[in-house]
Amino acid sequence: MRRMIALLVALAATAGCGGTKASPAAQEPATTAMVEQGPLSAVVSLDGTLSYRARSDGSPYSVINQARGTYTALPEVGAKIGCRGVLYRVDDSPVLLLCGTMPAYRDVHEGDAGRDVRQLNRNLHLAGRAFTGRTRAALERLQRRKGLAATGKLELGDAVFLPRPLRIGKVAGELGGAARPGVQIAQATADALHVRVDLDASQQGEVKKGDRAQVTLPGNTSAKGKVARLGRVAQAPQGKDAEPAAATVPAFISLDDPGAARGLESAPVQVDVMTKGVESALSVPVTALVGKAGGGLAVEVVRAGGQRELVAVRAGLFDDAHGRVEVEGALRQGEHVVVPSS
């Protein structure tokens, strides 16, 4: 879009120097392109980085320990842990990953009820917010499978609740170190790759959640995706000379096939976001636009017998992906306009 704006400025400047006049008589054959009727889309081109999904603002999940003792096993960076899997061990007793948005804050046992019990039940494939006999029996089975004492109750240090299966990104705890409640032992993300881009002020009103995108990966391969979410907090650039107006907002592109980017974590990519479009518009190649003397834009139409006529137009949507621009004026589909020869 910026390139298109620069083109319009250049055309206006050229027009101010005398402009382009229509030619009433036939001239030497010109290179032409057809006036077309059809769909157009606008594109915002951005630099992005492949990373693993995490919280809505891009920050990783914190794995907070609540057990007491000694760390006897810790996860490795890159390890993938599913719901009900073993995250780490304290005094050789497993600490499980259970999936849920509410952190553990108490021991729970039969007779308890609440949001934390509801998410425990979901991990046990049960419904309801009450800790029932069915909850106790299912929990005992899980405890036996994972090597925990089959007590039928969930103590605070037995599990960590996080929203989804994890990929370990960083380990802060130390093997053999003291396990203390409330201490972060690791940072983690989801296992699926996505793309992060940073939107400047001119782009924040253009890019919307749900916009389709095409990502050019290293090796010049392409992957399709869409804008999954937009950050809510602007991030100012670092440095004492940084200007507040230069603040950016992160946006995250989910890939239709995350496996296409497997093994490319932190790789730079190019992202083209289709921000808006029209189903049917009259369009010409952008290079067909010329500046008119006195201002405005026109295209040079080739008439019968090779005569050329300058027709005033008003530019609408620019389709960067196809190099075309929507135009309004005395034009018809199928007519031919002059374009620069290659």
C-alpha atoms as a PDB file:
ATOM      1  CA  MET A   1       0.000   0.000   0.000  1.00  0.00           C
ATOM      2  CA  ARG A   2       2.826   2.431   0.780  1.00  0.00           C
ATOM      3  CA  ARG A   3       4.349   1.689  -2.619  1.00  0.00           C
ATOM      4  CA  MET A   4       1.018   2.524  -4.257  1.00  0.00           C
ATOM      5  CA  ILE A   5       0.741   5.810  -2.369  1.00  0.00           C
ATOM      6  CA  ALA A   6       4.261   6.706  -3.453  1.00  0.00           C
ATOM      7  CA  LEU A   7       3.266   5.955  -7.046  1.00  0.00           C
ATOM      8  CA  LEU A   8       0.284   8.320  -6.848  1.00  0.00           C
ATOM      9  CA  VAL A   9       2.496  11.074  -5.444  1.00  0.00           C
ATOM     10  CA  ALA A  10       4.961  10.557  -8.280  1.00  0.00           C
ATOM     11  CA  LEU A  11       2.179  10.674 -10.873  1.00  0.00           C
ATOM     12  CA  ALA A  12       0.839  13.894  -9.406  1.00  0.00           C
ATOM     13  CA  ALA A  13       4.308  15.435  -9.509  1.00  0.00           C
ATOM     14  CA  THR A  14       4.714  14.398 -13.142  1.00  0.00           C
ATOM     15  CA  ALA A  15       1.326  15.893 -14.024  1.00  0.00           C
ATOM     16  CA  GLY A  16       2.365  19.191 -12.522  1.00  0.00           C
ATOM     17  CA  CYS A  17       5.208  19.383 -15.040  1.00  0.00           C
ATOM     18  CA  GLY A  18       2.844  19.401 -18.031  1.00  0.00           C
ATOM     19  CA  GLY A  19       0.928  16.139 -17.743  1.00  0.00           C
ATOM     20  CA  THR A  20       0.014  13.695 -20.473  1.00  0.00           C
ATOM     21  CA  LYS A  21      -2.160  14.728 -23.390  1.00  0.00           C
ATOM     22  CA  ALA A  22      -4.438  12.641 -25.535  1.00  0.00           C
ATOM     23  CA  SER A  23      -3.268  11.777 -29.019  1.00  0.00           C
ATOM     24  CA  PRO A  24      -5.941  12.433 -31.639  1.00  0.00           C
ATOM     25  CA  ALA A  25      -4.163  10.572 -34.404  1.00  0.00           C
ATOM     26  CA  ALA A  26      -2.875   7.040 -34.702  1.00  0.00           C
ATOM     27  CA  GLN A  27       0.556   6.422 -33.207  1.00  0.00           C
ATOM     28  CA  GLU A  28       3.037   3.588 -33.310  1.00  0.00           C
ATOM     29  CA  PRO A  29       1.661   0.350 -31.807  1.00  0.00           C
ATOM     30  CA  ALA A  30       1.508   0.426 -28.023  1.00  0.00           C
ATOM     31  CA  THR A  31       1.816  -2.250 -25.370  1.00  0.00           C
ATOM     32  CA  THR A  32      -1.648  -2.648 -23.875  1.00  0.00           C
ATOM     33  CA  ALA A  33      -3.538  -4.478 -21.141  1.00  0.00           C
ATOM     34  CA  MET A  34      -7.227  -5.223 -20.818  1.00  0.00           C
ATOM     35  CA  VAL A  35      -9.728  -3.489 -18.577  1.00  0.00           C
ATOM     36  CA  GLU A  36     -11.121  -6.301 -16.429  1.00  0.00           C
ATOM     37  CA  GLN A  37     -14.157  -6.820 -14.212  1.00  0.00           C
ATOM     38  CA  GLY A  38     -13.674  -9.094 -11.218  1.00  0.00           C
ATOM     39  CA  PRO A  39     -12.650  -9.505  -7.581  1.00  0.00           C
ATOM     40  CA  LEU A  40      -9.843  -7.456  -6.027  1.00  0.00           C
ATOM     41  CA  SER A  41      -8.138  -7.635  -2.636  1.00  0.00           C
ATOM     42  CA  ALA A  42      -5.866  -5.274  -0.732  1.00  0.00           C
ATOM     43  CA  VAL A  43      -2.648  -6.580   0.800  1.00  0.00           C
ATOM     44  CA  VAL A  44      -0.532  -5.414   3.737  1.00  0.00           C
ATOM     45  CA  SER A  45       3.015  -6.791   3.507  1.00  0.00           C
ATOM     46  CA  LEU A  46       4.816  -7.373   6.801  1.00  0.00           C
ATOM     47  CA  ASP A  47       7.989  -8.891   8.173  1.00  0.00           C
ATOM     48  CA  GLY A  48       7.289 -11.648  10.682  1.00  0.00           C
ATOM     49  CA  THR A  49       8.944 -14.273  12.856  1.00  0.00           C
ATOM     50  CA  LEU A  50       7.947 -17.886  13.404  1.00  0.00           C
ATOM     51  CA  SER A  51       7.425 -18.746  17.051  1.00  0.00           C
ATOM     52  CA  TYR A  52       5.413 -21.129  19.206  1.00  0.00           C
ATOM     53  CA  ARG A  53       1.956 -20.090  20.364  1.00  0.00           C
ATOM     54  CA  ALA A  54       1.609 -18.844  23.909  1.00  0.00           C
ATOM     55  CA  ARG A  55      -0.571 -16.319  25.726  1.00  0.00           C
ATOM     56  CA  SER A  56      -2.615 -13.736  23.829  1.00  0.00           C
ATOM     57  CA  ASP A  57       0.118 -11.113  24.249  1.00  0.00           C
ATOM     58  CA  GLY A  58       2.814 -13.518  23.036  1.00  0.00           C
ATOM     59  CA  SER A  59       4.323 -14.166  26.477  1.00  0.00           C
ATOM     60  CA  PRO A  60       5.021 -17.790  27.528  1.00  0.00           C
ATOM     61  CA  TYR A  61       3.155 -19.754  30.173  1.00  0.00           C
ATOM     62  CA  SER A  62       4.804 -19.946  33.599  1.00  0.00           C
ATOM     63  CA  VAL A  63       5.124 -23.366  35.226  1.00  0.00           C
ATOM     64  CA  ILE A  64       4.815 -22.612  38.962  1.00  0.00           C
ATOM     65  CA  ASN A  65       5.778 -25.323  41.434  1.00  0.00           C
ATOM     66  CA  GLN A  66       3.683 -25.864  44.589  1.00  0.00           C
ATOM     67  CA  ALA A  67       5.404 -28.982  45.936  1.00  0.00           C
ATOM     68  CA  ARG A  68       8.066 -29.134  48.676  1.00  0.00           C
ATOM     69  CA  GLY A  69      11.199 -31.260  48.515  1.00  0.00           C
ATOM     70  CA  THR A  70      13.973 -31.766  45.970  1.00  0.00           C
ATOM     71  CA  TYR A  71      13.748 -31.670  42.175  1.00  0.00           C
ATOM     72  CA  THR A  72      14.628 -35.190  41.054  1.00  0.00           C
ATOM     73  CA  ALA A  73      13.571 -34.863  37.396  1.00  0.00           C
ATOM     74  CA  LEU A  74      12.999 -31.799  35.217  1.00  0.00           C
ATOM     75  CA  PRO A  75      11.750 -31.511  31.627  1.00  0.00           C
ATOM     76  CA  GLU A  76      14.152 -30.776  28.788  1.00  0.00           C
ATOM     77  CA  VAL A  77      13.845 -27.738  26.548  1.00  0.00           C
ATOM     78  CA  GLY A  78      11.710 -28.746  23.559  1.00  0.00           C
ATOM     79  CA  ALA A  79       9.935 -31.538  25.463  1.00  0.00           C
ATOM     80  CA  LYS A  80       6.215 -31.903  24.680  1.00  0.00           C
ATOM     81  CA  ILE A  81       3.886 -32.718  27.549  1.00  0.00           C
ATOM     82  CA  GLY A  82       0.211 -33.526  27.132  1.00  0.00           C
ATOM     83  CA  CYS A  83      -2.686 -33.103  29.533  1.00  0.00           C
ATOM     84  CA  ARG A  84      -2.369 -35.650  32.378  1.00  0.00           C
ATOM     85  CA  GLY A  85       1.312 -36.134  31.516  1.00  0.00           C
ATOM     86  CA  VAL A  86       4.229 -35.910  33.971  1.00  0.00           C
ATOM     87  CA  LEU A  87       5.813 -32.439  34.027  1.00  0.00           C
ATOM     88  CA  TYR A  88       8.605 -33.051  36.554  1.00  0.00           C
ATOM     89  CA  ARG A  89       9.316 -34.918  39.797  1.00  0.00           C
ATOM     90  CA  VAL A  90       9.808 -33.783  43.369  1.00  0.00           C
ATOM     91  CA  ASP A  91      11.246 -36.373  45.802  1.00  0.00           C
ATOM     92  CA  ASP A  92      10.728 -38.788  42.877  1.00  0.00           C
ATOM     93  CA  SER A  93       6.971 -38.202  42.998  1.00  0.00           C
ATOM     94  CA  PRO A  94       5.410 -37.070  39.672  1.00  0.00           C
ATOM     95  CA  VAL A  95       3.911 -33.604  39.283  1.00  0.00           C
ATOM     96  CA  LEU A  96       1.262 -33.765  36.575  1.00  0.00           C
ATOM     97  CA  LEU A  97       0.186 -31.287  33.912  1.00  0.00           C
ATOM     98  CA  LEU A  98      -3.595 -30.895  34.085  1.00  0.00           C
ATOM     99  CA  CYS A  99      -5.305 -28.655  31.558  1.00  0.00           C
ATOM    100  CA  GLY A 100      -7.342 -25.719  32.796  1.00  0.00           C
ATOM    101  CA  THR A 101      -7.218 -21.944  33.025  1.00  0.00           C
ATOM    102  CA  MET A 102      -7.524 -21.683  36.819  1.00  0.00           C
ATOM    103  CA  PRO A 103      -4.311 -22.249  38.810  1.00  0.00           C
ATOM    104  CA  ALA A 104      -4.375 -24.788  41.625  1.00  0.00           C
ATOM    105  CA  TYR A 105      -4.715 -23.049  44.978  1.00  0.00           C
ATOM    106  CA  ARG A 106      -5.871 -25.755  47.453  1.00  0.00           C
ATOM    107  CA  ASP A 107      -6.084 -29.461  48.130  1.00  0.00           C
ATOM    108  CA  VAL A 108      -9.345 -30.901  46.755  1.00  0.00           C
ATOM    109  CA  HIS A 109     -11.145 -34.072  47.853  1.00  0.00           C
ATOM    110  CA  GLU A 110     -14.554 -35.672  47.916  1.00  0.00           C
ATOM    111  CA  GLY A 111     -17.260 -33.199  48.933  1.00  0.00           C
ATOM    112  CA  ASP A 112     -15.515 -30.121  47.509  1.00  0.00           C
ATOM    113  CA  ALA A 113     -17.021 -28.073  44.693  1.00  0.00           C
ATOM    114  CA  GLY A 114     -15.975 -25.126  42.536  1.00  0.00           C
ATOM    115  CA  ARG A 115     -14.335 -24.068  39.304  1.00  0.00           C
ATOM    116  CA  ASP A 116     -11.121 -25.873  40.178  1.00  0.00           C
ATOM    117  CA  VAL A 117     -13.054 -29.114  40.721  1.00  0.00           C
ATOM    118  CA  ARG A 118     -14.865 -28.628  37.405  1.00  0.00           C
ATOM    119  CA  GLN A 119     -11.582 -28.449  35.493  1.00  0.00           C
ATOM    120  CA  LEU A 120     -10.247 -31.477  37.408  1.00  0.00           C
ATOM    121  CA  ASN A 121     -13.357 -33.383  36.343  1.00  0.00           C
ATOM    122  CA  ARG A 122     -12.784 -32.375  32.721  1.00  0.00           C
ATOM    123  CA  ASN A 123      -9.283 -33.849  32.893  1.00  0.00           C
ATOM    124  CA  LEU A 124     -10.861 -37.047  34.191  1.00  0.00           C
ATOM    125  CA  HIS A 125     -13.492 -36.980  31.397  1.00  0.00           C
ATOM    126  CA  LEU A 126     -16.277 -36.237  33.857  1.00  0.00           C
ATOM    127  CA  ALA A 127     -18.817 -33.404  34.071  1.00  0.00           C
ATOM    128  CA  GLY A 128     -19.866 -31.155  36.935  1.00  0.00           C
ATOM    129  CA  ARG A 129     -18.285 -28.874  39.535  1.00  0.00           C
ATOM    130  CA  ALA A 130     -18.556 -31.283  42.471  1.00  0.00           C
ATOM    131  CA  PHE A 131     -15.938 -33.770  43.669  1.00  0.00           C
ATOM    132  CA  THR A 132     -18.011 -36.965  43.797  1.00  0.00           C
ATOM    133  CA  GLY A 133     -17.272 -40.624  44.297  1.00  0.00           C
ATOM    134  CA  ARG A 134     -16.832 -40.937  40.530  1.00  0.00           C
ATOM    135  CA  THR A 135     -14.212 -38.187  40.671  1.00  0.00           C
ATOM    136  CA  ARG A 136     -12.355 -40.017  43.451  1.00  0.00           C
ATOM    137  CA  ALA A 137     -12.381 -43.332  41.581  1.00  0.00           C
ATOM    138  CA  ALA A 138     -11.196 -41.747  38.301  1.00  0.00           C
ATOM    139  CA  LEU A 139      -8.471 -39.802  40.096  1.00  0.00           C
ATOM    140  CA  GLU A 140      -7.225 -42.950  41.849  1.00  0.00           C
ATOM    141  CA  ARG A 141      -6.903 -44.678  38.466  1.00  0.00           C
ATOM    142  CA  LEU A 142      -4.921 -41.745  37.072  1.00  0.00           C
ATOM    143  CA  GLN A 143      -2.686 -41.636  40.157  1.00  0.00           C
ATOM    144  CA  ARG A 144      -1.871 -45.342  39.879  1.00  0.00           C
ATOM    145  CA  ARG A 145      -1.046 -45.014  36.152  1.00  0.00           C
ATOM    146  CA  LYS A 146       1.317 -42.090  36.773  1.00  0.00           C
ATOM    147  CA  GLY A 147       3.077 -43.492  39.841  1.00  0.00           C
ATOM    148  CA  LEU A 148       1.435 -41.292  42.462  1.00  0.00           C
ATOM    149  CA  ALA A 149       0.022 -42.618  45.712  1.00  0.00           C
ATOM    150  CA  ALA A 150      -3.613 -43.529  44.931  1.00  0.00           C
ATOM    151  CA  THR A 151      -5.118 -41.321  47.634  1.00  0.00           C
ATOM    152  CA  GLY A 152      -8.209 -40.284  45.673  1.00  0.00           C
ATOM    153  CA  LYS A 153      -7.589 -36.620  46.504  1.00  0.00           C
ATOM    154  CA  LEU A 154      -5.533 -33.990  44.678  1.00  0.00           C
ATOM    155  CA  GLU A 155      -3.063 -32.172  46.876  1.00  0.00           C
ATOM    156  CA  LEU A 156      -1.849 -28.708  45.902  1.00  0.00           C
ATOM    157  CA  GLY A 157       1.626 -29.882  44.884  1.00  0.00           C
ATOM    158  CA  ASP A 158       0.437 -32.867  42.842  1.00  0.00           C
ATOM    159  CA  ALA A 159      -0.340 -30.978  39.633  1.00  0.00           C
ATOM    160  CA  VAL A 160       0.090 -27.756  37.673  1.00  0.00           C
ATOM    161  CA  PHE A 161      -2.929 -26.421  35.762  1.00  0.00           C
ATOM    162  CA  LEU A 162      -2.232 -24.663  32.447  1.00  0.00           C
ATOM    163  CA  PRO A 163      -4.585 -24.047  29.503  1.00  0.00           C
ATOM    164  CA  ARG A 164      -3.223 -26.611  27.019  1.00  0.00           C
ATOM    165  CA  PRO A 165      -0.558 -29.228  26.270  1.00  0.00           C
ATOM    166  CA  LEU A 166       2.904 -27.699  26.475  1.00  0.00           C
ATOM    167  CA  ARG A 167       6.222 -27.411  24.736  1.00  0.00           C
ATOM    168  CA  ILE A 168       8.971 -26.508  27.207  1.00  0.00           C
ATOM    169  CA  GLY A 169      10.826 -23.371  26.115  1.00  0.00           C
ATOM    170  CA  LYS A 170      13.023 -22.667  29.149  1.00  0.00           C
ATOM    171  CA  VAL A 171      13.866 -24.465  32.405  1.00  0.00           C
ATOM    172  CA  ALA A 172      14.564 -22.328  35.472  1.00  0.00           C
ATOM    173  CA  GLY A 173      14.701 -25.037  38.178  1.00  0.00           C
ATOM    174  CA  GLU A 174      17.848 -27.026  38.905  1.00  0.00           C
ATOM    175  CA  LEU A 175      18.057 -30.775  39.232  1.00  0.00           C
ATOM    176  CA  GLY A 176      18.815 -31.521  42.888  1.00  0.00           C
ATOM    177  CA  GLY A 177      17.719 -28.033  43.916  1.00  0.00           C
ATOM    178  CA  ALA A 178      15.171 -27.279  46.587  1.00  0.00           C
ATOM    179  CA  ALA A 179      11.554 -27.255  45.418  1.00  0.00           C
ATOM    180  CA  ARG A 180       9.703 -24.364  47.001  1.00  0.00           C
ATOM    181  CA  PRO A 181       6.030 -23.445  46.545  1.00  0.00           C
ATOM    182  CA  GLY A 182       5.318 -20.443  44.326  1.00  0.00           C
ATOM    183  CA  VAL A 183       8.587 -20.604  42.367  1.00  0.00           C
ATOM    184  CA  GLN A 184       8.698 -20.717  38.565  1.00  0.00           C
ATOM    185  CA  ILE A 185      10.545 -23.769  37.325  1.00  0.00           C
ATOM    186  CA  ALA A 186       9.942 -23.448  33.578  1.00  0.00           C
ATOM    187  CA  GLN A 187       8.416 -21.422  30.774  1.00  0.00           C
ATOM    188  CA  ALA A 188       6.360 -23.105  28.095  1.00  0.00           C
ATOM    189  CA  THR A 189       4.286 -22.568  24.969  1.00  0.00           C
ATOM    190  CA  ALA A 190       1.850 -24.589  22.923  1.00  0.00           C
ATOM    191  CA  ASP A 191       3.399 -27.009  20.431  1.00  0.00           C
ATOM    192  CA  ALA A 192       2.010 -25.326  17.286  1.00  0.00           C
ATOM    193  CA  LEU A 193       4.021 -22.720  15.388  1.00  0.00           C
ATOM    194  CA  HIS A 194       2.518 -19.392  14.384  1.00  0.00           C
ATOM    195  CA  VAL A 195       3.839 -16.101  13.016  1.00  0.00           C
ATOM    196  CA  ARG A 196       4.207 -12.870  14.941  1.00  0.00           C
ATOM    197  CA  VAL A 197       4.155  -9.519  13.143  1.00  0.00           C
ATOM    198  CA  ASP A 198       4.320  -6.031  14.624  1.00  0.00           C
ATOM    199  CA  LEU A 199       1.828  -3.507  13.252  1.00  0.00           C
ATOM    200  CA  ASP A 200       2.766   0.168  13.128  1.00  0.00           C
ATOM    201  CA  ALA A 201       0.230   2.961  13.547  1.00  0.00           C
ATOM    202  CA  SER A 202      -0.722   3.044   9.856  1.00  0.00           C
ATOM    203  CA  GLN A 203      -1.473  -0.700   9.793  1.00  0.00           C
ATOM    204  CA  GLN A 204      -3.387  -1.136  13.045  1.00  0.00           C
ATOM    205  CA  GLY A 205      -6.662   0.019  11.503  1.00  0.00           C
ATOM    206  CA  GLU A 206      -6.232  -2.140   8.408  1.00  0.00           C
ATOM    207  CA  VAL A 207      -5.446  -5.609   9.775  1.00  0.00           C
ATOM    208  CA  LYS A 208      -8.375  -7.393  11.421  1.00  0.00           C
ATOM    209  CA  LYS A 209      -8.870 -10.723  13.171  1.00  0.00           C
ATOM    210  CA  GLY A 210      -9.865 -13.320  10.600  1.00  0.00           C
ATOM    211  CA  ASP A 211      -8.054 -11.701   7.647  1.00  0.00           C
ATOM    212  CA  ARG A 212      -6.483 -14.314   5.377  1.00  0.00           C
ATOM    213  CA  ALA A 213      -2.702 -14.343   4.991  1.00  0.00           C
ATOM    214  CA  GLN A 214       0.015 -15.927   2.913  1.00  0.00           C
ATOM    215  CA  VAL A 215       3.350 -16.615   4.612  1.00  0.00           C
ATOM    216  CA  THR A 216       6.551 -16.988   2.603  1.00  0.00           C
ATOM    217  CA  LEU A 217       8.804 -19.376   4.534  1.00  0.00           C
ATOM    218  CA  PRO A 218      12.585 -19.813   4.237  1.00  0.00           C
ATOM    219  CA  GLY A 219      13.353 -21.617   0.994  1.00  0.00           C
ATOM    220  CA  ASN A 220      10.638 -19.544  -0.751  1.00  0.00           C
ATOM    221  CA  THR A 221       7.868 -22.004   0.122  1.00  0.00           C
ATOM    222  CA  SER A 222       4.422 -20.680   0.996  1.00  0.00           C
ATOM    223  CA  ALA A 223       1.917 -21.463   3.725  1.00  0.00           C
ATOM    224  CA  LYS A 224      -1.617 -20.144   4.153  1.00  0.00           C
ATOM    225  CA  GLY A 225      -3.033 -18.831   7.404  1.00  0.00           C
ATOM    226  CA  LYS A 226      -5.174 -16.153   9.006  1.00  0.00           C
ATOM    227  CA  VAL A 227      -4.924 -13.436  11.641  1.00  0.00           C
ATOM    228  CA  ALA A 228      -5.803 -15.301  14.839  1.00  0.00           C
ATOM    229  CA  ARG A 229      -5.502 -12.475  17.345  1.00  0.00           C
ATOM    230  CA  LEU A 230      -4.273  -8.939  17.862  1.00  0.00           C
ATOM    231  CA  GLY A 231      -2.361  -7.698  20.877  1.00  0.00           C
ATOM    232  CA  ARG A 232      -4.101  -5.163  23.101  1.00  0.00           C
ATOM    233  CA  VAL A 233      -1.041  -3.349  24.421  1.00  0.00           C
ATOM    234  CA  ALA A 234       1.165  -1.190  22.215  1.00  0.00           C
ATOM    235  CA  GLN A 235       4.879  -1.802  22.624  1.00  0.00           C
ATOM    236  CA  ALA A 236       7.167   1.217  22.402  1.00  0.00           C
ATOM    237  CA  PRO A 237      10.609   0.823  20.789  1.00  0.00           C
ATOM    238  CA  GLN A 238      13.591   0.699  23.113  1.00  0.00           C
ATOM    239  CA  GLY A 239      16.088   3.529  23.469  1.00  0.00           C
ATOM    240  CA  LYS A 240      16.128   7.054  24.850  1.00  0.00           C
ATOM    241  CA  ASP A 241      15.402   8.590  21.434  1.00  0.00           C
ATOM    242  CA  ALA A 242      12.410   6.353  20.724  1.00  0.00           C
ATOM    243  CA  GLU A 243       9.173   8.179  19.876  1.00  0.00           C
ATOM    244  CA  PRO A 244       5.783   7.113  21.286  1.00  0.00           C
ATOM    245  CA  ALA A 245       4.290   7.337  17.777  1.00  0.00           C
ATOM    246  CA  ALA A 246       6.592   4.491  16.723  1.00  0.00           C
ATOM    247  CA  ALA A 247       4.882   2.042  19.101  1.00  0.00           C
ATOM    248  CA  THR A 248       3.677  -1.189  17.509  1.00  0.00           C
ATOM    249  CA  VAL A 249       0.936  -3.718  18.304  1.00  0.00           C
ATOM    250  CA  PRO A 250       1.666  -7.439  17.880  1.00  0.00           C
ATOM    251  CA  ALA A 251      -0.523  -9.592  15.676  1.00  0.00           C
ATOM    252  CA  PHE A 252      -0.394 -13.381  15.430  1.00  0.00           C
ATOM    253  CA  ILE A 253      -0.977 -15.418  12.280  1.00  0.00           C
ATOM    254  CA  SER A 254      -2.116 -19.025  12.716  1.00  0.00           C
ATOM    255  CA  LEU A 255      -1.046 -21.433   9.971  1.00  0.00           C
ATOM    256  CA  ASP A 256      -3.598 -23.694   8.297  1.00  0.00           C
ATOM    257  CA  ASP A 257      -0.899 -26.400   8.365  1.00  0.00           C
ATOM    258  CA  PRO A 258       1.563 -25.685  11.207  1.00  0.00           C
ATOM    259  CA  GLY A 259       3.536 -28.755  10.181  1.00  0.00           C
ATOM    260  CA  ALA A 260       4.666 -26.889   7.045  1.00  0.00           C
ATOM    261  CA  ALA A 261       6.888 -24.733   9.279  1.00  0.00           C
ATOM    262  CA  ARG A 262       8.183 -27.523  11.534  1.00  0.00           C
ATOM    263  CA  GLY A 263      11.824 -27.000  12.517  1.00  0.00           C
ATOM    264  CA  LEU A 264      11.867 -23.290  11.574  1.00  0.00           C
ATOM    265  CA  GLU A 265      11.413 -21.703  15.015  1.00  0.00           C
ATOM    266  CA  SER A 266      12.601 -18.047  15.122  1.00  0.00           C
ATOM    267  CA  ALA A 267      13.023 -17.966  11.325  1.00  0.00           C
ATOM    268  CA  PRO A 268      12.162 -14.659   9.597  1.00  0.00           C
ATOM    269  CA  VAL A 269       9.245 -14.804   7.156  1.00  0.00           C
ATOM    270  CA  GLN A 270       7.347 -12.484   4.834  1.00  0.00           C
ATOM    271  CA  VAL A 271       3.609 -12.118   5.449  1.00  0.00           C
ATOM    272  CA  ASP A 272       0.997 -10.770   3.025  1.00  0.00           C
ATOM    273  CA  VAL A 273      -2.310 -10.087   4.782  1.00  0.00           C
ATOM    274  CA  MET A 274      -5.411  -9.702   2.605  1.00  0.00           C
ATOM    275  CA  THR A 275      -7.090  -6.928   4.538  1.00  0.00           C
ATOM    276  CA  LYS A 276     -10.207  -6.207   2.486  1.00  0.00           C
ATOM    277  CA  GLY A 277     -11.633  -6.699  -0.974  1.00  0.00           C
ATOM    278  CA  VAL A 278     -14.433  -6.183  -3.456  1.00  0.00           C
ATOM    279  CA  GLU A 279     -16.300  -8.964  -5.205  1.00  0.00           C
ATOM    280  CA  SER A 280     -16.561  -7.209  -8.556  1.00  0.00           C
ATOM    281  CA  ALA A 281     -14.714  -4.095  -9.688  1.00  0.00           C
ATOM    282  CA  LEU A 282     -13.458  -2.580 -12.919  1.00  0.00           C
ATOM    283  CA  SER A 283      -9.667  -2.604 -12.805  1.00  0.00           C
ATOM    284  CA  VAL A 284      -6.533  -1.845 -14.809  1.00  0.00           C
ATOM    285  CA  PRO A 285      -2.852  -2.546 -14.161  1.00  0.00           C
ATOM    286  CA  VAL A 286      -1.399   0.007 -11.755  1.00  0.00           C
ATOM    287  CA  THR A 287       1.228   0.862 -14.366  1.00  0.00           C
ATOM    288  CA  ALA A 288      -1.554   2.084 -16.693  1.00  0.00           C
ATOM    289  CA  LEU A 289      -2.214   5.115 -14.475  1.00  0.00           C
ATOM    290  CA  VAL A 290      -0.849   8.459 -15.686  1.00  0.00           C
ATOM    291  CA  GLY A 291      -1.023  11.921 -14.191  1.00  0.00           C
ATOM    292  CA  LYS A 292      -3.273  14.563 -15.718  1.00  0.00           C
ATOM    293  CA  ALA A 293      -2.238  18.162 -16.234  1.00  0.00           C
ATOM    294  CA  GLY A 294      -3.866  20.123 -13.438  1.00  0.00           C
ATOM    295  CA  GLY A 295      -4.125  17.079 -11.184  1.00  0.00           C
ATOM    296  CA  GLY A 296      -5.920  13.785 -11.081  1.00  0.00           C
ATOM    297  CA  LEU A 297      -5.339  10.464 -12.793  1.00  0.00           C
ATOM    298  CA  ALA A 298      -6.113   8.994 -16.175  1.00  0.00           C
ATOM    299  CA  VAL A 299      -5.524   5.983 -18.389  1.00  0.00           C
ATOM    300  CA  GLU A 300      -4.746   6.029 -22.088  1.00  0.00           C
ATOM    301  CA  VAL A 301      -7.346   3.972 -23.971  1.00  0.00           C
ATOM    302  CA  VAL A 302      -6.537   2.549 -27.404  1.00  0.00           C
ATOM    303  CA  ARG A 303      -9.496   3.070 -29.727  1.00  0.00           C
ATOM    304  CA  ALA A 304     -10.299   1.619 -33.134  1.00  0.00           C
ATOM    305  CA  GLY A 305      -7.643   2.315 -35.729  1.00  0.00           C
ATOM    306  CA  GLY A 306      -4.958   2.703 -33.056  1.00  0.00           C
ATOM    307  CA  GLN A 307      -6.101   6.110 -31.852  1.00  0.00           C
ATOM    308  CA  ARG A 308      -5.521   6.858 -28.192  1.00  0.00           C
ATOM    309  CA  GLU A 309      -7.724   8.785 -25.822  1.00  0.00           C
ATOM    310  CA  LEU A 310      -6.891   9.970 -22.328  1.00  0.00           C
ATOM    311  CA  VAL A 311      -9.751   9.020 -20.000  1.00  0.00           C
ATOM    312  CA  ALA A 312      -9.970  10.473 -16.488  1.00  0.00           C
ATOM    313  CA  VAL A 313     -10.347   7.910 -13.711  1.00  0.00           C
ATOM    314  CA  ARG A 314     -10.586   7.806  -9.961  1.00  0.00           C
ATOM    315  CA  ALA A 315      -8.479   5.145  -8.249  1.00  0.00           C
ATOM    316  CA  GLY A 316     -10.049   2.888  -5.640  1.00  0.00           C
ATOM    317  CA  LEU A 317      -8.746  -0.308  -4.076  1.00  0.00           C
ATOM    318  CA  PHE A 318      -5.157  -1.335  -4.865  1.00  0.00           C
ATOM    319  CA  ASP A 319      -4.601  -5.080  -5.294  1.00  0.00           C
ATOM    320  CA  ASP A 320      -0.871  -5.360  -4.585  1.00  0.00           C
ATOM    321  CA  ALA A 321      -0.836  -9.120  -5.078  1.00  0.00           C
ATOM    322  CA  HIS A 322      -1.931  -8.818  -8.718  1.00  0.00           C
ATOM    323  CA  GLY A 323      -0.632  -5.332  -9.518  1.00  0.00           C
ATOM    324  CA  ARG A 324      -4.080  -3.933 -10.347  1.00  0.00           C
ATOM    325  CA  VAL A 325      -6.156  -0.991  -9.171  1.00  0.00           C
ATOM    326  CA  GLU A 326      -9.904  -0.414  -9.076  1.00  0.00           C
ATOM    327  CA  VAL A 327     -10.922   2.495 -11.320  1.00  0.00           C
ATOM    328  CA  GLU A 328     -14.071   4.535 -11.897  1.00  0.00           C
ATOM    329  CA  GLY A 329     -14.496   6.450 -15.137  1.00  0.00           C
ATOM    330  CA  ALA A 330     -15.731   6.225 -18.718  1.00  0.00           C
ATOM    331  CA  LEU A 331     -14.285   2.757 -19.243  1.00  0.00           C
ATOM    332  CA  ARG A 332     -15.780  -0.585 -20.200  1.00  0.00           C
ATOM    333  CA  GLN A 333     -14.722  -4.153 -19.577  1.00  0.00           C
ATOM    334  CA  GLY A 334     -12.652  -5.497 -22.471  1.00  0.00           C
ATOM    335  CA  GLU A 335     -11.189  -2.150 -23.564  1.00  0.00           C
ATOM    336  CA  HIS A 336      -7.417  -1.857 -23.836  1.00  0.00           C
ATOM    337  CA  VAL A 337      -5.217   0.661 -22.004  1.00  0.00           C
ATOM    338  CA  VAL A 338      -1.599   1.558 -22.632  1.00  0.00           C
ATOM    339  CA  VAL A 339       1.000   0.174 -20.206  1.00  0.00           C
ATOM    340  CA  PRO A 340       4.789   0.641 -20.246  1.00  0.00           C
ATOM    341  CA  SER A 341       6.552  -1.851 -22.481  1.00  0.00           C
ATOM    342  CA  SER A 342       8.699  -4.361 -20.584  1.00  0.00           C
END
